[in-house]
Amino acid sequence: MTVIIVLRKKTADIETYSSLVSFCEQNKEYNSDMLYNITSRKKKPFEDDEIKLLRCHVITRMPRKSK
């Protein structure tokens, strides 16, 4: 599972989104295709003067210990 974490530089606020599409719907100045290319294919965070955007993988299950 992947979540989008957005750090607002001016206010130091942290926002989380379930997808790039939901982030871009609320922030019309950003393009989801461009953000996808940077964060998924290049494996880099996106950063500009306003925000830093990261894709983070979330572990949904802990592995069981073998006996």
N, C-alpha and C. Protein backbone atom coordinates (compact mmCIF):
# COMPACT_ATOMS: atom_id res chain seq x y z
N MET A 1 0.85 -1.17 0.00
CA MET A 1 0.00 0.00 0.00
C MET A 1 0.90 1.24 0.00
N THR A 2 0.53 2.23 -0.79
CA THR A 2 1.31 3.46 -0.90
C THR A 2 0.45 4.65 -0.50
N VAL A 3 1.05 5.57 0.24
CA VAL A 3 0.37 6.81 0.59
C VAL A 3 1.22 7.98 0.10
N ILE A 4 0.58 9.10 -0.10
CA ILE A 4 1.24 10.32 -0.52
C ILE A 4 1.34 11.23 0.69
N ILE A 5 2.55 11.68 0.99
CA ILE A 5 2.77 12.60 2.10
C ILE A 5 3.22 13.93 1.51
N VAL A 6 2.53 15.00 1.92
CA VAL A 6 2.84 16.34 1.43
C VAL A 6 3.26 17.20 2.61
N LEU A 7 4.44 17.78 2.51
CA LEU A 7 4.95 18.68 3.53
C LEU A 7 4.84 20.10 2.98
N ARG A 8 4.03 20.93 3.61
CA ARG A 8 3.89 22.34 3.21
C ARG A 8 5.03 23.13 3.82
N LYS A 9 5.84 23.74 3.00
CA LYS A 9 7.04 24.42 3.49
C LYS A 9 6.74 25.69 4.27
N LYS A 10 5.77 26.45 3.84
CA LYS A 10 5.50 27.73 4.48
C LYS A 10 4.83 27.57 5.85
N THR A 11 3.99 26.55 5.99
CA THR A 11 3.25 26.38 7.23
C THR A 11 3.73 25.20 8.07
N ALA A 12 4.60 24.37 7.52
CA ALA A 12 5.10 23.16 8.17
C ALA A 12 3.99 22.14 8.42
N ASP A 13 2.89 22.25 7.68
CA ASP A 13 1.80 21.28 7.79
C ASP A 13 2.17 20.00 7.05
N ILE A 14 1.65 18.89 7.54
CA ILE A 14 1.83 17.59 6.89
C ILE A 14 0.45 17.08 6.51
N GLU A 15 0.31 16.68 5.24
CA GLU A 15 -0.96 16.15 4.74
C GLU A 15 -0.71 14.77 4.17
N THR A 16 -1.70 13.90 4.27
CA THR A 16 -1.60 12.58 3.66
C THR A 16 -2.76 12.37 2.70
N TYR A 17 -2.49 11.66 1.63
CA TYR A 17 -3.48 11.36 0.61
C TYR A 17 -3.35 9.89 0.22
N SER A 18 -4.44 9.33 -0.22
CA SER A 18 -4.43 7.93 -0.64
C SER A 18 -3.88 7.75 -2.05
N SER A 19 -3.86 8.84 -2.84
CA SER A 19 -3.35 8.74 -4.21
C SER A 19 -2.94 10.11 -4.72
N LEU A 20 -2.18 10.11 -5.80
CA LEU A 20 -1.81 11.36 -6.44
C LEU A 20 -3.02 12.05 -7.05
N VAL A 21 -3.96 11.27 -7.53
CA VAL A 21 -5.17 11.84 -8.13
C VAL A 21 -5.95 12.64 -7.09
N SER A 22 -6.12 12.12 -5.91
CA SER A 22 -6.85 12.85 -4.87
C SER A 22 -6.10 14.12 -4.46
N PHE A 23 -4.76 14.05 -4.42
CA PHE A 23 -3.98 15.26 -4.14
C PHE A 23 -4.19 16.30 -5.23
N CYS A 24 -4.12 15.89 -6.48
CA CYS A 24 -4.24 16.82 -7.61
C CYS A 24 -5.65 17.38 -7.74
N GLU A 25 -6.66 16.64 -7.33
CA GLU A 25 -8.03 17.17 -7.35
C GLU A 25 -8.17 18.35 -6.39
N GLN A 26 -7.49 18.31 -5.29
CA GLN A 26 -7.56 19.39 -4.30
C GLN A 26 -6.54 20.49 -4.57
N ASN A 27 -5.54 20.19 -5.38
CA ASN A 27 -4.48 21.15 -5.69
C ASN A 27 -4.33 21.21 -7.21
N LYS A 28 -5.15 22.01 -7.84
CA LYS A 28 -5.27 22.05 -9.30
C LYS A 28 -3.98 22.46 -10.01
N GLU A 29 -3.06 23.11 -9.31
CA GLU A 29 -1.84 23.57 -9.96
C GLU A 29 -0.84 22.45 -10.24
N TYR A 30 -1.12 21.24 -9.71
CA TYR A 30 -0.22 20.10 -9.91
C TYR A 30 -0.86 19.09 -10.85
N ASN A 31 -0.02 18.43 -11.65
CA ASN A 31 -0.46 17.45 -12.63
C ASN A 31 -0.09 16.05 -12.14
N SER A 32 -1.06 15.17 -12.06
CA SER A 32 -0.80 13.83 -11.52
C SER A 32 0.15 13.02 -12.40
N ASP A 33 0.09 13.18 -13.72
CA ASP A 33 0.99 12.44 -14.60
C ASP A 33 2.45 12.84 -14.37
N MET A 34 2.69 14.13 -14.25
CA MET A 34 4.04 14.62 -14.00
C MET A 34 4.55 14.14 -12.63
N LEU A 35 3.70 14.23 -11.62
CA LEU A 35 4.10 13.77 -10.29
C LEU A 35 4.36 12.27 -10.26
N TYR A 36 3.54 11.51 -10.98
CA TYR A 36 3.73 10.07 -11.05
C TYR A 36 5.08 9.74 -11.67
N ASN A 37 5.43 10.41 -12.76
CA ASN A 37 6.70 10.15 -13.43
C ASN A 37 7.88 10.42 -12.51
N ILE A 38 7.81 11.47 -11.74
CA ILE A 38 8.91 11.81 -10.84
C ILE A 38 8.98 10.86 -9.65
N THR A 39 7.85 10.63 -9.01
CA THR A 39 7.86 9.87 -7.75
C THR A 39 7.88 8.36 -7.94
N SER A 40 7.34 7.85 -9.03
CA SER A 40 7.30 6.40 -9.22
C SER A 40 8.43 5.89 -10.11
N ARG A 41 8.58 6.50 -11.23
CA ARG A 41 9.59 6.00 -12.17
C ARG A 41 11.00 6.39 -11.77
N LYS A 42 11.17 7.65 -11.37
CA LYS A 42 12.51 8.11 -10.99
C LYS A 42 12.83 7.83 -9.52
N LYS A 43 11.81 7.43 -8.75
CA LYS A 43 11.97 7.10 -7.33
C LYS A 43 12.52 8.27 -6.52
N LYS A 44 12.10 9.48 -6.88
CA LYS A 44 12.53 10.68 -6.17
C LYS A 44 11.32 11.41 -5.61
N PRO A 45 11.50 12.13 -4.51
CA PRO A 45 10.42 13.00 -4.05
C PRO A 45 10.30 14.20 -4.98
N PHE A 46 9.11 14.76 -5.07
CA PHE A 46 8.90 15.98 -5.83
C PHE A 46 9.02 17.15 -4.87
N GLU A 47 9.71 18.19 -5.31
CA GLU A 47 9.87 19.35 -4.45
C GLU A 47 9.84 20.63 -5.28
N ASP A 48 9.10 21.63 -4.79
CA ASP A 48 9.12 22.97 -5.37
C ASP A 48 9.15 23.98 -4.22
N ASP A 49 8.86 25.24 -4.52
CA ASP A 49 8.93 26.27 -3.47
C ASP A 49 7.85 26.12 -2.41
N GLU A 50 6.75 25.46 -2.75
CA GLU A 50 5.59 25.35 -1.85
C GLU A 50 5.56 24.05 -1.04
N ILE A 51 5.89 22.92 -1.71
CA ILE A 51 5.70 21.61 -1.09
C ILE A 51 6.87 20.69 -1.33
N LYS A 52 6.89 19.63 -0.54
CA LYS A 52 7.71 18.44 -0.81
C LYS A 52 6.74 17.27 -0.76
N LEU A 53 6.70 16.47 -1.82
CA LEU A 53 5.75 15.38 -1.93
C LEU A 53 6.52 14.07 -2.02
N LEU A 54 6.12 13.10 -1.18
CA LEU A 54 6.79 11.80 -1.13
C LEU A 54 5.77 10.69 -1.28
N ARG A 55 6.17 9.61 -1.92
CA ARG A 55 5.37 8.38 -1.94
C ARG A 55 5.99 7.44 -0.93
N CYS A 56 5.20 6.96 0.00
CA CYS A 56 5.72 6.06 1.05
C CYS A 56 4.93 4.76 1.04
N HIS A 57 5.68 3.68 1.13
CA HIS A 57 5.05 2.37 1.21
C HIS A 57 4.72 2.06 2.66
N VAL A 58 3.52 1.59 2.89
CA VAL A 58 3.05 1.28 4.24
C VAL A 58 2.93 -0.23 4.36
N ILE A 59 3.47 -0.76 5.42
CA ILE A 59 3.35 -2.19 5.68
C ILE A 59 2.01 -2.43 6.34
N THR A 60 1.18 -3.25 5.72
CA THR A 60 -0.16 -3.49 6.25
C THR A 60 -0.23 -4.74 7.13
N ARG A 61 0.77 -5.62 7.01
CA ARG A 61 0.79 -6.82 7.84
C ARG A 61 2.20 -7.05 8.36
N MET A 62 2.26 -7.47 9.56
CA MET A 62 3.57 -7.84 10.12
C MET A 62 3.82 -9.32 9.78
N PRO A 63 5.03 -9.64 9.38
CA PRO A 63 5.32 -11.04 9.10
C PRO A 63 5.27 -11.87 10.38
N ARG A 64 4.79 -13.08 10.26
CA ARG A 64 4.74 -13.99 11.41
C ARG A 64 6.11 -14.56 11.69
N LYS A 65 6.39 -14.71 12.97
CA LYS A 65 7.63 -15.34 13.35
C LYS A 65 7.49 -16.85 13.24
N SER A 66 8.49 -17.48 12.68
CA SER A 66 8.43 -18.94 12.59
C SER A 66 8.85 -19.55 13.94
N LYS A 67 8.27 -20.69 14.25
CA LYS A 67 8.54 -21.35 15.55
C LYS A 67 9.75 -22.21 15.47
